Amino acid sequence: MTRSRAQDPNVCGVTAAIAVIEGKWKTSLLWLLESGPRRPGELRRWLPGLSEKVLTQALRELAEDGVVHREVHDVLPPKTVYSLTAFGRDLAAALNPVAEWGHRRLERLREDGREREAAS
């Protein structure tokens, strides 16, 4: 889905919300920022495999969507801190039931796998 389609007022609300969090890293970034402000280096350490370029792009898009606040401190070397906005905390709260459903699904898959192993 394109970001412009997600801003179309005639699109489903779920589609518009998913456009904000789609991508491999955005939900993980939201999860990390839910516990408090973090610097970019800290986010990369928590998410091995996340390149600096992709991190920057994801954070920029989340900021454009009003979900993340970027604060630059006027010190040398420059210090940038990212945190959730109130709108971002609303999104995180809205995603909690989805996360709980996902955990139940994973448990169900584990149980199904154990049942298949026992049957073979």
PDB file of N, CA and C in Angstrom:
ATOM      1  N   MET A   1       0.850  -1.170   0.000  1.00  0.00           N
ATOM      2  CA  MET A   1       0.000   0.000   0.000  1.00  0.00           C
ATOM      3  C   MET A   1       0.891   1.226   0.000  1.00  0.00           C
ATOM      4  N   THR A   2       0.492   2.222  -0.738  1.00  0.00           N
ATOM      5  CA  THR A   2       1.280   3.450  -0.740  1.00  0.00           C
ATOM      6  C   THR A   2       0.838   4.333   0.404  1.00  0.00           C
ATOM      7  N   ARG A   3       1.764   5.167   0.843  1.00  0.00           N
ATOM      8  CA  ARG A   3       1.444   6.080   1.946  1.00  0.00           C
ATOM      9  C   ARG A   3       0.348   7.058   1.530  1.00  0.00           C
ATOM     10  N   SER A   4       0.315   7.459   0.249  1.00  0.00           N
ATOM     11  CA  SER A   4      -0.717   8.399  -0.195  1.00  0.00           C
ATOM     12  C   SER A   4      -2.100   7.756  -0.129  1.00  0.00           C
ATOM     13  N   ARG A   5      -2.184   6.450  -0.438  1.00  0.00           N
ATOM     14  CA  ARG A   5      -3.480   5.760  -0.354  1.00  0.00           C
ATOM     15  C   ARG A   5      -3.974   5.736   1.083  1.00  0.00           C
ATOM     16  N   ALA A   6      -3.056   5.661   2.027  1.00  0.00           N
ATOM     17  CA  ALA A   6      -3.447   5.613   3.430  1.00  0.00           C
ATOM     18  C   ALA A   6      -4.022   6.944   3.895  1.00  0.00           C
ATOM     19  N   GLN A   7      -3.787   7.995   3.132  1.00  0.00           N
ATOM     20  CA  GLN A   7      -4.322   9.310   3.502  1.00  0.00           C
ATOM     21  C   GLN A   7      -5.617   9.628   2.755  1.00  0.00           C
ATOM     22  N   ASP A   8      -6.050   8.710   1.911  1.00  0.00           N
ATOM     23  CA  ASP A   8      -7.287   8.862   1.158  1.00  0.00           C
ATOM     24  C   ASP A   8      -8.460   8.766   2.129  1.00  0.00           C
ATOM     25  N   PRO A   9      -9.310   9.796   2.210  1.00  0.00           N
ATOM     26  CA  PRO A   9     -10.427   9.757   3.164  1.00  0.00           C
ATOM     27  C   PRO A   9     -11.458   8.675   2.845  1.00  0.00           C
ATOM     28  N   ASN A  10     -11.398   8.099   1.647  1.00  0.00           N
ATOM     29  CA  ASN A  10     -12.363   7.071   1.260  1.00  0.00           C
ATOM     30  C   ASN A  10     -11.863   5.655   1.523  1.00  0.00           C
ATOM     31  N   VAL A  11     -10.712   5.534   2.180  1.00  0.00           N
ATOM     32  CA  VAL A  11     -10.155   4.219   2.451  1.00  0.00           C
ATOM     33  C   VAL A  11     -10.646   3.747   3.830  1.00  0.00           C
ATOM     34  N   CYS A  12     -10.682   2.444   4.005  1.00  0.00           N
ATOM     35  CA  CYS A  12     -11.079   1.852   5.286  1.00  0.00           C
ATOM     36  C   CYS A  12     -10.158   2.339   6.404  1.00  0.00           C
ATOM     37  N   GLY A  13     -10.695   2.564   7.579  1.00  0.00           N
ATOM     38  CA  GLY A  13      -9.898   3.026   8.709  1.00  0.00           C
ATOM     39  C   GLY A  13      -8.800   2.053   9.103  1.00  0.00           C
ATOM     40  N   VAL A  14      -9.078   0.758   9.003  1.00  0.00           N
ATOM     41  CA  VAL A  14      -8.061  -0.247   9.321  1.00  0.00           C
ATOM     42  C   VAL A  14      -6.912  -0.142   8.326  1.00  0.00           C
ATOM     43  N   THR A  15      -7.234   0.068   7.058  1.00  0.00           N
ATOM     44  CA  THR A  15      -6.214   0.221   6.027  1.00  0.00           C
ATOM     45  C   THR A  15      -5.343   1.436   6.325  1.00  0.00           C
ATOM     46  N   ALA A  16      -5.971   2.534   6.723  1.00  0.00           N
ATOM     47  CA  ALA A  16      -5.218   3.749   7.050  1.00  0.00           C
ATOM     48  C   ALA A  16      -4.317   3.522   8.253  1.00  0.00           C
ATOM     49  N   ALA A  17      -4.788   2.774   9.236  1.00  0.00           N
ATOM     50  CA  ALA A  17      -3.975   2.495  10.425  1.00  0.00           C
ATOM     51  C   ALA A  17      -2.819   1.559  10.090  1.00  0.00           C
ATOM     52  N   ILE A  18      -3.081   0.536   9.304  1.00  0.00           N
ATOM     53  CA  ILE A  18      -2.029  -0.409   8.944  1.00  0.00           C
ATOM     54  C   ILE A  18      -0.949   0.277   8.126  1.00  0.00           C
ATOM     55  N   ALA A  19      -1.316   1.245   7.306  1.00  0.00           N
ATOM     56  CA  ALA A  19      -0.320   1.974   6.519  1.00  0.00           C
ATOM     57  C   ALA A  19       0.702   2.658   7.417  1.00  0.00           C
ATOM     58  N   VAL A  20       0.284   3.069   8.603  1.00  0.00           N
ATOM     59  CA  VAL A  20       1.193   3.739   9.541  1.00  0.00           C
ATOM     60  C   VAL A  20       2.187   2.748  10.125  1.00  0.00           C
ATOM     61  N   ILE A  21       1.778   1.505  10.339  1.00  0.00           N
ATOM     62  CA  ILE A  21       2.647   0.542  11.024  1.00  0.00           C
ATOM     63  C   ILE A  21       3.214  -0.527  10.099  1.00  0.00           C
ATOM     64  N   GLU A  22       2.852  -0.467   8.798  1.00  0.00           N
ATOM     65  CA  GLU A  22       3.347  -1.529   7.919  1.00  0.00           C
ATOM     66  C   GLU A  22       4.855  -1.410   7.729  1.00  0.00           C
ATOM     67  N   GLY A  23       5.451  -2.535   7.472  1.00  0.00           N
ATOM     68  CA  GLY A  23       6.892  -2.608   7.329  1.00  0.00           C
ATOM     69  C   GLY A  23       7.450  -3.527   8.404  1.00  0.00           C
ATOM     70  N   LYS A  24       8.655  -3.946   8.196  1.00  0.00           N
ATOM     71  CA  LYS A  24       9.254  -4.943   9.072  1.00  0.00           C
ATOM     72  C   LYS A  24       9.563  -4.410  10.466  1.00  0.00           C
ATOM     73  N   TRP A  25       9.858  -3.117  10.608  1.00  0.00           N
ATOM     74  CA  TRP A  25      10.419  -2.618  11.859  1.00  0.00           C
ATOM     75  C   TRP A  25       9.510  -1.693  12.660  1.00  0.00           C
ATOM     76  N   LYS A  26       8.488  -1.137  12.053  1.00  0.00           N
ATOM     77  CA  LYS A  26       7.720  -0.093  12.741  1.00  0.00           C
ATOM     78  C   LYS A  26       7.039  -0.576  14.018  1.00  0.00           C
ATOM     79  N   THR A  27       6.462  -1.769  13.999  1.00  0.00           N
ATOM     80  CA  THR A  27       5.804  -2.245  15.223  1.00  0.00           C
ATOM     81  C   THR A  27       6.829  -2.484  16.327  1.00  0.00           C
ATOM     82  N   SER A  28       8.009  -2.969  15.958  1.00  0.00           N
ATOM     83  CA  SER A  28       9.060  -3.169  16.959  1.00  0.00           C
ATOM     84  C   SER A  28       9.528  -1.833  17.519  1.00  0.00           C
ATOM     85  N   LEU A  29       9.640  -0.829  16.666  1.00  0.00           N
ATOM     86  CA  LEU A  29      10.032   0.502  17.134  1.00  0.00           C
ATOM     87  C   LEU A  29       8.981   1.068  18.085  1.00  0.00           C
ATOM     88  N   LEU A  30       7.713   0.911  17.741  1.00  0.00           N
ATOM     89  CA  LEU A  30       6.642   1.371  18.629  1.00  0.00           C
ATOM     90  C   LEU A  30       6.719   0.667  19.975  1.00  0.00           C
ATOM     91  N   TRP A  31       6.950  -0.627  19.932  1.00  0.00           N
ATOM     92  CA  TRP A  31       7.043  -1.416  21.164  1.00  0.00           C
ATOM     93  C   TRP A  31       8.188  -0.908  22.039  1.00  0.00           C
ATOM     94  N   LEU A  32       9.340  -0.642  21.445  1.00  0.00           N
ATOM     95  CA  LEU A  32      10.479  -0.144  22.217  1.00  0.00           C
ATOM     96  C   LEU A  32      10.225   1.261  22.753  1.00  0.00           C
ATOM     97  N   LEU A  33       9.628   2.109  21.940  1.00  0.00           N
ATOM     98  CA  LEU A  33       9.375   3.490  22.380  1.00  0.00           C
ATOM     99  C   LEU A  33       8.251   3.574  23.405  1.00  0.00           C
ATOM    100  N   GLU A  34       7.440   2.536  23.476  1.00  0.00           N
ATOM    101  CA  GLU A  34       6.355   2.508  24.461  1.00  0.00           C
ATOM    102  C   GLU A  34       6.916   2.548  25.890  1.00  0.00           C
ATOM    103  N   SER A  35       8.113   2.013  26.065  1.00  0.00           N
ATOM    104  CA  SER A  35       8.713   1.994  27.405  1.00  0.00           C
ATOM    105  C   SER A  35       9.480   3.274  27.737  1.00  0.00           C
ATOM    106  N   GLY A  36       9.564   4.204  26.790  1.00  0.00           N
ATOM    107  CA  GLY A  36      10.203   5.482  27.069  1.00  0.00           C
ATOM    108  C   GLY A  36      11.066   5.955  25.916  1.00  0.00           C
ATOM    109  N   PRO A  37      11.535   7.203  26.012  1.00  0.00           N
ATOM    110  CA  PRO A  37      12.354   7.788  24.945  1.00  0.00           C
ATOM    111  C   PRO A  37      13.646   6.998  24.730  1.00  0.00           C
ATOM    112  N   ARG A  38      14.080   6.962  23.482  1.00  0.00           N
ATOM    113  CA  ARG A  38      15.301   6.232  23.139  1.00  0.00           C
ATOM    114  C   ARG A  38      16.069   6.974  22.046  1.00  0.00           C
ATOM    115  N   ARG A  39      17.382   6.796  22.082  1.00  0.00           N
ATOM    116  CA  ARG A  39      18.249   7.341  21.045  1.00  0.00           C
ATOM    117  C   ARG A  39      18.339   6.332  19.897  1.00  0.00           C
ATOM    118  N   PRO A  40      18.670   6.801  18.690  1.00  0.00           N
ATOM    119  CA  PRO A  40      18.727   5.897  17.537  1.00  0.00           C
ATOM    120  C   PRO A  40      19.688   4.721  17.726  1.00  0.00           C
ATOM    121  N   GLY A  41      20.846   4.951  18.295  1.00  0.00           N
ATOM    122  CA  GLY A  41      21.795   3.868  18.515  1.00  0.00           C
ATOM    123  C   GLY A  41      21.243   2.791  19.425  1.00  0.00           C
ATOM    124  N   GLU A  42      20.505   3.217  20.422  1.00  0.00           N
ATOM    125  CA  GLU A  42      19.883   2.266  21.347  1.00  0.00           C
ATOM    126  C   GLU A  42      18.835   1.421  20.622  1.00  0.00           C
ATOM    127  N   LEU A  43      18.052   2.064  19.752  1.00  0.00           N
ATOM    128  CA  LEU A  43      17.043   1.333  18.979  1.00  0.00           C
ATOM    129  C   LEU A  43      17.710   0.294  18.080  1.00  0.00           C
ATOM    130  N   ARG A  44      18.821   0.664  17.458  1.00  0.00           N
ATOM    131  CA  ARG A  44      19.526  -0.284  16.581  1.00  0.00           C
ATOM    132  C   ARG A  44      20.109  -1.447  17.373  1.00  0.00           C
ATOM    133  N   ARG A  45      20.587  -1.192  18.583  1.00  0.00           N
ATOM    134  CA  ARG A  45      21.125  -2.287  19.405  1.00  0.00           C
ATOM    135  C   ARG A  45      20.032  -3.281  19.778  1.00  0.00           C
ATOM    136  N   TRP A  46      18.829  -2.782  20.025  1.00  0.00           N
ATOM    137  CA  TRP A  46      17.715  -3.653  20.397  1.00  0.00           C
ATOM    138  C   TRP A  46      17.164  -4.426  19.202  1.00  0.00           C
ATOM    139  N   LEU A  47      17.451  -3.935  17.988  1.00  0.00           N
ATOM    140  CA  LEU A  47      16.891  -4.554  16.787  1.00  0.00           C
ATOM    141  C   LEU A  47      18.011  -4.929  15.815  1.00  0.00           C
ATOM    142  N   PRO A  48      18.721  -6.018  16.098  1.00  0.00           N
ATOM    143  CA  PRO A  48      19.799  -6.447  15.208  1.00  0.00           C
ATOM    144  C   PRO A  48      19.261  -6.667  13.787  1.00  0.00           C
ATOM    145  N   GLY A  49      20.014  -6.241  12.825  1.00  0.00           N
ATOM    146  CA  GLY A  49      19.595  -6.384  11.438  1.00  0.00           C
ATOM    147  C   GLY A  49      18.935  -5.138  10.886  1.00  0.00           C
ATOM    148  N   LEU A  50      18.597  -4.204  11.737  1.00  0.00           N
ATOM    149  CA  LEU A  50      17.990  -2.947  11.307  1.00  0.00           C
ATOM    150  C   LEU A  50      19.104  -1.990  10.893  1.00  0.00           C
ATOM    151  N   SER A  51      19.122  -1.606   9.634  1.00  0.00           N
ATOM    152  CA  SER A  51      20.168  -0.697   9.159  1.00  0.00           C
ATOM    153  C   SER A  51      19.849   0.740   9.577  1.00  0.00           C
ATOM    154  N   GLU A  52      20.870   1.554   9.593  1.00  0.00           N
ATOM    155  CA  GLU A  52      20.689   2.957   9.965  1.00  0.00           C
ATOM    156  C   GLU A  52      19.752   3.652   8.979  1.00  0.00           C
ATOM    157  N   LYS A  53      19.900   3.333   7.696  1.00  0.00           N
ATOM    158  CA  LYS A  53      19.047   3.940   6.670  1.00  0.00           C
ATOM    159  C   LYS A  53      17.579   3.600   6.890  1.00  0.00           C
ATOM    160  N   VAL A  54      17.286   2.330   7.126  1.00  0.00           N
ATOM    161  CA  VAL A  54      15.894   1.896   7.322  1.00  0.00           C
ATOM    162  C   VAL A  54      15.345   2.463   8.631  1.00  0.00           C
ATOM    163  N   LEU A  55      16.180   2.507   9.678  1.00  0.00           N
ATOM    164  CA  LEU A  55      15.756   3.100  10.945  1.00  0.00           C
ATOM    165  C   LEU A  55      15.367   4.557  10.738  1.00  0.00           C
ATOM    166  N   THR A  56      16.224   5.302  10.067  1.00  0.00           N
ATOM    167  CA  THR A  56      15.956   6.720   9.815  1.00  0.00           C
ATOM    168  C   THR A  56      14.666   6.895   9.029  1.00  0.00           C
ATOM    169  N   GLN A  57      14.478   6.086   7.991  1.00  0.00           N
ATOM    170  CA  GLN A  57      13.273   6.187   7.171  1.00  0.00           C
ATOM    171  C   GLN A  57      12.019   5.854   7.979  1.00  0.00           C
ATOM    172  N   ALA A  58      12.079   4.787   8.765  1.00  0.00           N
ATOM    173  CA  ALA A  58      10.914   4.382   9.556  1.00  0.00           C
ATOM    174  C   ALA A  58      10.564   5.449  10.585  1.00  0.00           C
ATOM    175  N   LEU A  59      11.578   5.974  11.275  1.00  0.00           N
ATOM    176  CA  LEU A  59      11.321   7.010  12.282  1.00  0.00           C
ATOM    177  C   LEU A  59      10.790   8.285  11.633  1.00  0.00           C
ATOM    178  N   ARG A  60      11.317   8.615  10.469  1.00  0.00           N
ATOM    179  CA  ARG A  60      10.832   9.806   9.753  1.00  0.00           C
ATOM    180  C   ARG A  60       9.358   9.632   9.390  1.00  0.00           C
ATOM    181  N   GLU A  61       8.988   8.450   8.880  1.00  0.00           N
ATOM    182  CA  GLU A  61       7.591   8.214   8.513  1.00  0.00           C
ATOM    183  C   GLU A  61       6.685   8.222   9.738  1.00  0.00           C
ATOM    184  N   LEU A  62       7.137   7.620  10.832  1.00  0.00           N
ATOM    185  CA  LEU A  62       6.337   7.626  12.061  1.00  0.00           C
ATOM    186  C   LEU A  62       6.168   9.051  12.582  1.00  0.00           C
ATOM    187  N   ALA A  63       7.204   9.868  12.446  1.00  0.00           N
ATOM    188  CA  ALA A  63       7.102  11.274  12.861  1.00  0.00           C
ATOM    189  C   ALA A  63       6.131  12.028  11.955  1.00  0.00           C
ATOM    190  N   GLU A  64       6.212  11.786  10.643  1.00  0.00           N
ATOM    191  CA  GLU A  64       5.289  12.435   9.699  1.00  0.00           C
ATOM    192  C   GLU A  64       3.839  12.068  10.001  1.00  0.00           C
ATOM    193  N   ASP A  65       3.635  10.856  10.483  1.00  0.00           N
ATOM    194  CA  ASP A  65       2.281  10.400  10.824  1.00  0.00           C
ATOM    195  C   ASP A  65       1.838  10.854  12.211  1.00  0.00           C
ATOM    196  N   GLY A  66       2.710  11.580  12.913  1.00  0.00           N
ATOM    197  CA  GLY A  66       2.341  12.117  14.220  1.00  0.00           C
ATOM    198  C   GLY A  66       2.423  11.110  15.353  1.00  0.00           C
ATOM    199  N   VAL A  67       3.100   9.992  15.119  1.00  0.00           N
ATOM    200  CA  VAL A  67       3.174   8.917  16.103  1.00  0.00           C
ATOM    201  C   VAL A  67       4.418   9.056  16.984  1.00  0.00           C
ATOM    202  N   VAL A  68       5.483   9.578  16.408  1.00  0.00           N
ATOM    203  CA  VAL A  68       6.767   9.697  17.097  1.00  0.00           C
ATOM    204  C   VAL A  68       7.205  11.151  17.112  1.00  0.00           C
ATOM    205  N   HIS A  69       7.794  11.554  18.222  1.00  0.00           N
ATOM    206  CA  HIS A  69       8.367  12.898  18.365  1.00  0.00           C
ATOM    207  C   HIS A  69       9.885  12.792  18.299  1.00  0.00           C
ATOM    208  N   ARG A  70      10.486  13.635  17.496  1.00  0.00           N
ATOM    209  CA  ARG A  70      11.944  13.682  17.358  1.00  0.00           C
ATOM    210  C   ARG A  70      12.443  14.945  18.044  1.00  0.00           C
ATOM    211  N   GLU A  71      13.307  14.753  19.028  1.00  0.00           N
ATOM    212  CA  GLU A  71      13.860  15.895  19.776  1.00  0.00           C
ATOM    213  C   GLU A  71      15.367  15.916  19.585  1.00  0.00           C
ATOM    214  N   VAL A  72      15.856  17.045  19.073  1.00  0.00           N
ATOM    215  CA  VAL A  72      17.293  17.208  18.855  1.00  0.00           C
ATOM    216  C   VAL A  72      17.820  18.154  19.927  1.00  0.00           C
ATOM    217  N   HIS A  73      18.792  17.679  20.703  1.00  0.00           N
ATOM    218  CA  HIS A  73      19.410  18.489  21.748  1.00  0.00           C
ATOM    219  C   HIS A  73      20.604  19.220  21.158  1.00  0.00           C
ATOM    220  N   ASP A  74      20.747  20.479  21.487  1.00  0.00           N
ATOM    221  CA  ASP A  74      21.811  21.320  20.940  1.00  0.00           C
ATOM    222  C   ASP A  74      23.101  21.126  21.733  1.00  0.00           C
ATOM    223  N   VAL A  75      23.731  19.979  21.522  1.00  0.00           N
ATOM    224  CA  VAL A  75      25.004  19.665  22.169  1.00  0.00           C
ATOM    225  C   VAL A  75      25.931  19.073  21.105  1.00  0.00           C
ATOM    226  N   LEU A  76      27.197  19.001  21.421  1.00  0.00           N
ATOM    227  CA  LEU A  76      28.157  18.358  20.534  1.00  0.00           C
ATOM    228  C   LEU A  76      28.678  17.095  21.177  1.00  0.00           C
ATOM    229  N   PRO A  77      28.649  15.970  20.544  1.00  0.00           N
ATOM    230  CA  PRO A  77      27.982  15.736  19.257  1.00  0.00           C
ATOM    231  C   PRO A  77      26.471  15.829  19.418  1.00  0.00           C
ATOM    232  N   PRO A  78      25.765  16.074  18.304  1.00  0.00           N
ATOM    233  CA  PRO A  78      24.302  16.214  18.381  1.00  0.00           C
ATOM    234  C   PRO A  78      23.663  14.981  19.009  1.00  0.00           C
ATOM    235  N   LYS A  79      22.641  15.214  19.806  1.00  0.00           N
ATOM    236  CA  LYS A  79      21.931  14.134  20.477  1.00  0.00           C
ATOM    237  C   LYS A  79      20.465  14.191  20.041  1.00  0.00           C
ATOM    238  N   THR A  80      19.986  13.087  19.493  1.00  0.00           N
ATOM    239  CA  THR A  80      18.596  12.994  19.052  1.00  0.00           C
ATOM    240  C   THR A  80      17.901  11.920  19.882  1.00  0.00           C
ATOM    241  N   VAL A  81      16.704  12.241  20.334  1.00  0.00           N
ATOM    242  CA  VAL A  81      15.914  11.312  21.135  1.00  0.00           C
ATOM    243  C   VAL A  81      14.532  11.201  20.504  1.00  0.00           C
ATOM    244  N   TYR A  82      14.046   9.968  20.422  1.00  0.00           N
ATOM    245  CA  TYR A  82      12.717   9.704  19.886  1.00  0.00           C
ATOM    246  C   TYR A  82      11.809   9.210  21.003  1.00  0.00           C
ATOM    247  N   SER A  83      10.561   9.650  20.950  1.00  0.00           N
ATOM    248  CA  SER A  83       9.569   9.216  21.934  1.00  0.00           C
ATOM    249  C   SER A  83       8.210   9.160  21.248  1.00  0.00           C
ATOM    250  N   LEU A  84       7.285   8.467  21.889  1.00  0.00           N
ATOM    251  CA  LEU A  84       5.923   8.422  21.357  1.00  0.00           C
ATOM    252  C   LEU A  84       5.192   9.709  21.698  1.00  0.00           C
ATOM    253  N   THR A  85       4.398  10.174  20.764  1.00  0.00           N
ATOM    254  CA  THR A  85       3.496  11.288  21.035  1.00  0.00           C
ATOM    255  C   THR A  85       2.247  10.718  21.720  1.00  0.00           C
ATOM    256  N   ALA A  86       1.357  11.590  22.134  1.00  0.00           N
ATOM    257  CA  ALA A  86       0.082  11.121  22.701  1.00  0.00           C
ATOM    258  C   ALA A  86      -0.669  10.296  21.645  1.00  0.00           C
ATOM    259  N   PHE A  87      -0.604  10.721  20.397  1.00  0.00           N
ATOM    260  CA  PHE A  87      -1.237   9.996  19.297  1.00  0.00           C
ATOM    261  C   PHE A  87      -0.578   8.624  19.136  1.00  0.00           C
ATOM    262  N   GLY A  88       0.730   8.564  19.311  1.00  0.00           N
ATOM    263  CA  GLY A  88       1.456   7.297  19.242  1.00  0.00           C
ATOM    264  C   GLY A  88       1.098   6.372  20.387  1.00  0.00           C
ATOM    265  N   ARG A  89       0.900   6.940  21.589  1.00  0.00           N
ATOM    266  CA  ARG A  89       0.483   6.112  22.725  1.00  0.00           C
ATOM    267  C   ARG A  89      -0.928   5.564  22.495  1.00  0.00           C
ATOM    268  N   ASP A  90      -1.777   6.374  21.844  1.00  0.00           N
ATOM    269  CA  ASP A  90      -3.115   5.881  21.481  1.00  0.00           C
ATOM    270  C   ASP A  90      -3.013   4.699  20.521  1.00  0.00           C
ATOM    271  N   LEU A  91      -2.114   4.810  19.549  1.00  0.00           N
ATOM    272  CA  LEU A  91      -1.916   3.718  18.597  1.00  0.00           C
ATOM    273  C   LEU A  91      -1.407   2.469  19.309  1.00  0.00           C
ATOM    274  N   ALA A  92      -0.435   2.641  20.201  1.00  0.00           N
ATOM    275  CA  ALA A  92       0.108   1.500  20.948  1.00  0.00           C
ATOM    276  C   ALA A  92      -0.993   0.822  21.764  1.00  0.00           C
ATOM    277  N   ALA A  93      -1.845   1.617  22.382  1.00  0.00           N
ATOM    278  CA  ALA A  93      -2.959   1.051  23.164  1.00  0.00           C
ATOM    279  C   ALA A  93      -3.937   0.316  22.254  1.00  0.00           C
ATOM    280  N   ALA A  94      -4.180   0.865  21.070  1.00  0.00           N
ATOM    281  CA  ALA A  94      -5.088   0.210  20.129  1.00  0.00           C
ATOM    282  C   ALA A  94      -4.502  -1.107  19.624  1.00  0.00           C
ATOM    283  N   LEU A  95      -3.179  -1.196  19.555  1.00  0.00           N
ATOM    284  CA  LEU A  95      -2.532  -2.415  19.065  1.00  0.00           C
ATOM    285  C   LEU A  95      -2.412  -3.501  20.126  1.00  0.00           C
ATOM    286  N   ASN A  96      -2.582  -3.160  21.400  1.00  0.00           N
ATOM    287  CA  ASN A  96      -2.454  -4.161  22.462  1.00  0.00           C
ATOM    288  C   ASN A  96      -3.373  -5.365  22.265  1.00  0.00           C
ATOM    289  N   PRO A  97      -4.662  -5.199  21.930  1.00  0.00           N
ATOM    290  CA  PRO A  97      -5.503  -6.377  21.685  1.00  0.00           C
ATOM    291  C   PRO A  97      -5.015  -7.197  20.493  1.00  0.00           C
ATOM    292  N   VAL A  98      -4.465  -6.536  19.485  1.00  0.00           N
ATOM    293  CA  VAL A  98      -3.916  -7.259  18.332  1.00  0.00           C
ATOM    294  C   VAL A  98      -2.707  -8.078  18.774  1.00  0.00           C
ATOM    295  N   ALA A  99      -1.864  -7.494  19.624  1.00  0.00           N
ATOM    296  CA  ALA A  99      -0.695  -8.215  20.144  1.00  0.00           C
ATOM    297  C   ALA A  99      -1.127  -9.428  20.965  1.00  0.00           C
ATOM    298  N   GLU A 100      -2.152  -9.257  21.792  1.00  0.00           N
ATOM    299  CA  GLU A 100      -2.648 -10.380  22.591  1.00  0.00           C
ATOM    300  C   GLU A 100      -3.175 -11.490  21.682  1.00  0.00           C
ATOM    301  N   TRP A 101      -3.888 -11.121  20.621  1.00  0.00           N
ATOM    302  CA  TRP A 101      -4.372 -12.101  19.662  1.00  0.00           C
ATOM    303  C   TRP A 101      -3.187 -12.818  19.009  1.00  0.00           C
ATOM    304  N   GLY A 102      -2.155 -12.071  18.657  1.00  0.00           N
ATOM    305  CA  GLY A 102      -0.970 -12.658  18.053  1.00  0.00           C
ATOM    306  C   GLY A 102      -0.297 -13.662  18.973  1.00  0.00           C
ATOM    307  N   HIS A 103      -0.210 -13.352  20.255  1.00  0.00           N
ATOM    308  CA  HIS A 103       0.379 -14.295  21.223  1.00  0.00           C
ATOM    309  C   HIS A 103      -0.465 -15.574  21.325  1.00  0.00           C
ATOM    310  N   ARG A 104      -1.792 -15.413  21.323  1.00  0.00           N
ATOM    311  CA  ARG A 104      -2.667 -16.593  21.351  1.00  0.00           C
ATOM    312  C   ARG A 104      -2.469 -17.428  20.084  1.00  0.00           C
ATOM    313  N   ARG A 105      -2.321 -16.777  18.947  1.00  0.00           N
ATOM    314  CA  ARG A 105      -2.085 -17.493  17.692  1.00  0.00           C
ATOM    315  C   ARG A 105      -0.779 -18.266  17.755  1.00  0.00           C
ATOM    316  N   LEU A 106       0.286 -17.632  18.251  1.00  0.00           N
ATOM    317  CA  LEU A 106       1.579 -18.318  18.353  1.00  0.00           C
ATOM    318  C   LEU A 106       1.484 -19.531  19.276  1.00  0.00           C
ATOM    319  N   GLU A 107       0.776 -19.381  20.378  1.00  0.00           N
ATOM    320  CA  GLU A 107       0.591 -20.509  21.300  1.00  0.00           C
ATOM    321  C   GLU A 107      -0.173 -21.640  20.604  1.00  0.00           C
ATOM    322  N   ARG A 108      -1.174 -21.274  19.862  1.00  0.00           N
ATOM    323  CA  ARG A 108      -1.960 -22.273  19.131  1.00  0.00           C
ATOM    324  C   ARG A 108      -1.084 -23.010  18.113  1.00  0.00           C
ATOM    325  N   LEU A 109      -0.218 -22.285  17.411  1.00  0.00           N
ATOM    326  CA  LEU A 109       0.694 -22.905  16.454  1.00  0.00           C
ATOM    327  C   LEU A 109       1.668 -23.846  17.154  1.00  0.00           C
ATOM    328  N   ARG A 110       2.154 -23.438  18.334  1.00  0.00           N
ATOM    329  CA  ARG A 110       3.052 -24.311  19.110  1.00  0.00           C
ATOM    330  C   ARG A 110       2.334 -25.592  19.515  1.00  0.00           C
ATOM    331  N   GLU A 111       1.098 -25.443  19.993  1.00  0.00           N
ATOM    332  CA  GLU A 111       0.323 -26.627  20.399  1.00  0.00           C
ATOM    333  C   GLU A 111       0.057 -27.538  19.206  1.00  0.00           C
ATOM    334  N   ASP A 112      -0.290 -26.943  18.062  1.00  0.00           N
ATOM    335  CA  ASP A 112      -0.524 -27.748  16.855  1.00  0.00           C
ATOM    336  C   ASP A 112       0.747 -28.477  16.456  1.00  0.00           C
ATOM    337  N   GLY A 113       1.879 -27.834  16.566  1.00  0.00           N
ATOM    338  CA  GLY A 113       3.158 -28.456  16.236  1.00  0.00           C
ATOM    339  C   GLY A 113       3.483 -29.608  17.166  1.00  0.00           C
ATOM    340  N   ARG A 114       3.190 -29.424  18.466  1.00  0.00           N
ATOM    341  CA  ARG A 114       3.416 -30.510  19.434  1.00  0.00           C
ATOM    342  C   ARG A 114       2.500 -31.691  19.147  1.00  0.00           C
ATOM    343  N   GLU A 115       1.260 -31.416  18.778  1.00  0.00           N
ATOM    344  CA  GLU A 115       0.317 -32.490  18.447  1.00  0.00           C
ATOM    345  C   GLU A 115       0.774 -33.255  17.219  1.00  0.00           C
ATOM    346  N   ARG A 116       1.288 -32.552  16.204  1.00  0.00           N
ATOM    347  CA  ARG A 116       1.790 -33.230  15.002  1.00  0.00           C
ATOM    348  C   ARG A 116       3.006 -34.072  15.320  1.00  0.00           C
ATOM    349  N   GLU A 117       3.884 -33.565  16.185  1.00  0.00           N
ATOM    350  CA  GLU A 117       5.077 -34.324  16.578  1.00  0.00           C
ATOM    351  C   GLU A 117       4.678 -35.589  17.342  1.00  0.00           C
ATOM    352  N   ALA A 118       3.691 -35.472  18.215  1.00  0.00           N
ATOM    353  CA  ALA A 118       3.259 -36.621  19.018  1.00  0.00           C
ATOM    354  C   ALA A 118       2.584 -37.674  18.124  1.00  0.00           C
ATOM    355  N   ALA A 119       1.902 -37.216  17.065  1.00  0.00           N
ATOM    356  CA  ALA A 119       1.200 -38.147  16.189  1.00  0.00           C
ATOM    357  C   ALA A 119       2.162 -38.881  15.245  1.00  0.00           C
ATOM    358  N   SER A 120       3.339 -38.318  15.033  1.00  0.00           N
ATOM    359  CA  SER A 120       4.256 -38.985  14.083  1.00  0.00           C
ATOM    360  C   SER A 120       5.182 -39.964  14.716  1.00  0.00           C
TER     361      SER A 120
END
